C-alpha atoms as a PDB file:
ATOM      1  CA  MET A   1     -90.924 107.160 184.217  1.00  0.00           C
ATOM      2  CA  GLU A   2     -89.143 104.925 186.687  1.00  0.00           C
ATOM      3  CA  ARG A   3     -85.637 104.934 188.093  1.00  0.00           C
ATOM      4  CA  PHE A   4     -83.300 101.975 187.797  1.00  0.00           C
ATOM      5  CA  VAL A   5     -80.002 101.120 189.450  1.00  0.00           C
ATOM      6  CA  LEU A   6     -77.193  99.439 187.512  1.00  0.00           C
ATOM      7  CA  TRP A   7     -74.495  97.319 189.160  1.00  0.00           C
ATOM      8  CA  GLY A   8     -71.896  95.698 186.963  1.00  0.00           C
ATOM      9  CA  THR A   9     -68.328  94.516 186.754  1.00  0.00           C
ATOM     10  CA  TYR A  10     -65.301  95.600 184.751  1.00  0.00           C
ATOM     11  CA  CYS A  11     -62.773  93.330 183.076  1.00  0.00           C
ATOM     12  CA  GLU A  12     -59.225  93.045 184.377  1.00  0.00           C
ATOM     13  CA  ASN A  13     -57.010  95.958 183.308  1.00  0.00           C
ATOM     14  CA  ALA A  14     -60.127  97.973 182.469  1.00  0.00           C
ATOM     15  CA  LEU A  15     -58.297 101.308 182.574  1.00  0.00           C
ATOM     16  CA  GLN A  16     -55.990 100.233 179.774  1.00  0.00           C
ATOM     17  CA  LYS A  17     -58.545  98.258 177.770  1.00  0.00           C
ATOM     18  CA  ARG A  18     -61.126 101.045 177.775  1.00  0.00           C
ATOM     19  CA  GLU A  19     -58.774 103.704 176.391  1.00  0.00           C
ATOM     20  CA  PRO A  20     -59.526 103.208 172.642  1.00  0.00           C
ATOM     21  CA  PHE A  21     -63.281 103.362 173.360  1.00  0.00           C
ATOM     22  CA  ARG A  22     -63.428 105.959 176.129  1.00  0.00           C
ATOM     23  CA  GLU A  23     -64.259 109.024 174.020  1.00  0.00           C
ATOM     24  CA  MET A  24     -67.077 107.208 172.199  1.00  0.00           C
ATOM     25  CA  HIS A  25     -68.409 105.923 175.531  1.00  0.00           C
ATOM     26  CA  LEU A  26     -68.333 109.346 177.214  1.00  0.00           C
ATOM     27  CA  ASN A  27     -69.938 111.070 174.213  1.00  0.00           C
ATOM     28  CA  ARG A  28     -72.823 108.616 174.308  1.00  0.00           C
ATOM     29  CA  LEU A  29     -73.240 109.066 178.058  1.00  0.00           C
ATOM     30  CA  SER A  30     -73.350 112.817 177.554  1.00  0.00           C
ATOM     31  CA  ILE A  31     -76.227 112.421 175.088  1.00  0.00           C
ATOM     32  CA  LEU A  32     -78.119 110.147 177.487  1.00  0.00           C
ATOM     33  CA  LYS A  33     -77.555 112.697 180.259  1.00  0.00           C
ATOM     34  CA  GLN A  34     -78.887 115.537 178.068  1.00  0.00           C
ATOM     35  CA  LYS A  35     -81.977 113.448 177.320  1.00  0.00           C
ATOM     36  CA  GLU A  36     -82.392 112.951 181.108  1.00  0.00           C
ATOM     37  CA  ILE A  37     -82.222 109.164 180.743  1.00  0.00           C
ATOM     38  CA  LEU A  38     -78.917 108.856 182.563  1.00  0.00           C
ATOM     39  CA  ILE A  39     -78.764 110.338 186.042  1.00  0.00           C
ATOM     40  CA  THR A  40     -75.240 109.200 186.929  1.00  0.00           C
ATOM     41  CA  LEU A  41     -72.767 106.475 185.998  1.00  0.00           C
ATOM     42  CA  GLY A  42     -69.208 105.621 186.895  1.00  0.00           C
ATOM     43  CA  PRO A  43     -66.718 103.142 188.301  1.00  0.00           C
ATOM     44  CA  THR A  44     -65.964 102.435 191.911  1.00  0.00           C
ATOM     45  CA  LYS A  45     -62.513 103.701 192.950  1.00  0.00           C
ATOM     46  CA  CYS A  46     -61.068 100.204 192.615  1.00  0.00           C
ATOM     47  CA  THR A  47     -62.412 100.111 189.004  1.00  0.00           C
ATOM     48  CA  LYS A  48     -63.836  96.672 189.652  1.00  0.00           C
ATOM     49  CA  TYR A  49     -67.507  97.724 189.533  1.00  0.00           C
ATOM     50  CA  VAL A  50     -69.701 100.128 187.600  1.00  0.00           C
ATOM     51  CA  PHE A  51     -72.692 101.868 189.193  1.00  0.00           C
ATOM     52  CA  GLY A  52     -75.381 103.874 187.470  1.00  0.00           C
ATOM     53  CA  ILE A  53     -78.841 105.351 187.829  1.00  0.00           C
ATOM     54  CA  PHE A  54     -81.168 105.626 184.850  1.00  0.00           C
ATOM     55  CA  GLU A  55     -84.662 106.975 184.321  1.00  0.00           C
ATOM     56  CA  ALA A  56     -86.766 105.195 181.708  1.00  0.00           C
ATOM     57  CA  LYS A  57     -90.203 103.756 180.964  1.00  0.00           C
ATOM     58  CA  ASN A  58     -89.190 100.188 181.725  1.00  0.00           C
ATOM     59  CA  LEU A  59     -86.397  97.777 182.615  1.00  0.00           C
ATOM     60  CA  GLY A  60     -86.000  96.524 179.054  1.00  0.00           C
ATOM     61  CA  ILE A  61     -85.033  99.980 177.808  1.00  0.00           C
ATOM     62  CA  VAL A  62     -82.281 100.287 180.415  1.00  0.00           C
ATOM     63  CA  LYS A  63     -80.913  96.830 179.660  1.00  0.00           C
ATOM     64  CA  GLN A  64     -80.817  97.652 175.961  1.00  0.00           C
ATOM     65  CA  LEU A  65     -79.008 100.945 176.645  1.00  0.00           C
ATOM     66  CA  ILE A  66     -76.338  99.026 178.534  1.00  0.00           C
ATOM     67  CA  GLN A  67     -76.012  96.339 175.864  1.00  0.00           C
ATOM     68  CA  ASP A  68     -75.674  99.039 173.184  1.00  0.00           C
ATOM     69  CA  ASP A  69     -72.762 100.698 175.009  1.00  0.00           C
ATOM     70  CA  ILE A  70     -69.303 100.235 173.486  1.00  0.00           C
ATOM     71  CA  TYR A  71     -67.951  99.130 176.892  1.00  0.00           C
ATOM     72  CA  TRP A  72     -70.367  96.190 176.887  1.00  0.00           C
ATOM     73  CA  LYS A  73     -69.752  95.353 173.242  1.00  0.00           C
ATOM     74  CA  GLU A  74     -65.962  95.402 173.717  1.00  0.00           C
ATOM     75  CA  GLY A  75     -65.982  93.405 176.970  1.00  0.00           C
ATOM     76  CA  ILE A  76     -64.925  96.279 179.241  1.00  0.00           C
ATOM     77  CA  TRP A  77     -68.081  95.663 181.259  1.00  0.00           C
ATOM     78  CA  THR A  78     -68.293  91.924 181.904  1.00  0.00           C
ATOM     79  CA  SER A  79     -71.618  91.579 183.717  1.00  0.00           C
ATOM     80  CA  PHE A  80     -74.489  93.721 184.901  1.00  0.00           C
ATOM     81  CA  GLU A  81     -77.713  93.657 186.858  1.00  0.00           C
ATOM     82  CA  VAL A  82     -80.411  96.322 186.788  1.00  0.00           C
ATOM     83  CA  TYR A  83     -83.006  96.835 189.508  1.00  0.00           C
ATOM     84  CA  PRO A  84     -86.052  99.103 189.743  1.00  0.00           C
ATOM     85  CA  TRP A  85     -85.259 101.687 192.393  1.00  0.00           C
ATOM     86  CA  THR A  86     -87.381 103.822 194.679  1.00  0.00           C
ATOM     87  CA  GLN A  87     -85.601 107.044 195.598  1.00  0.00           C
ATOM     88  CA  ALA A  88     -86.386 107.888 199.224  1.00  0.00           C
ATOM     89  CA  PHE A  89     -84.793 111.347 199.307  1.00  0.00           C
END
């Protein structure tokens, strides 16, 4: 298993636009966390960017997980990049 870092952006007015989808989004993240695929995920304080760390077999799996998220499908997340990551500590 490898670790991957996610950097992405939120749409304008993300706090308001995400509200109808938030419970579904958080429930899914909880499942990914229980499966030890998701290490952490959340917005920056300015709610302009999303940051996450995943553990998976390959980059394609992580990209698909992001694209399957309701925030991506509903345009709450507007862009993302995923990078393989080496944890030093």
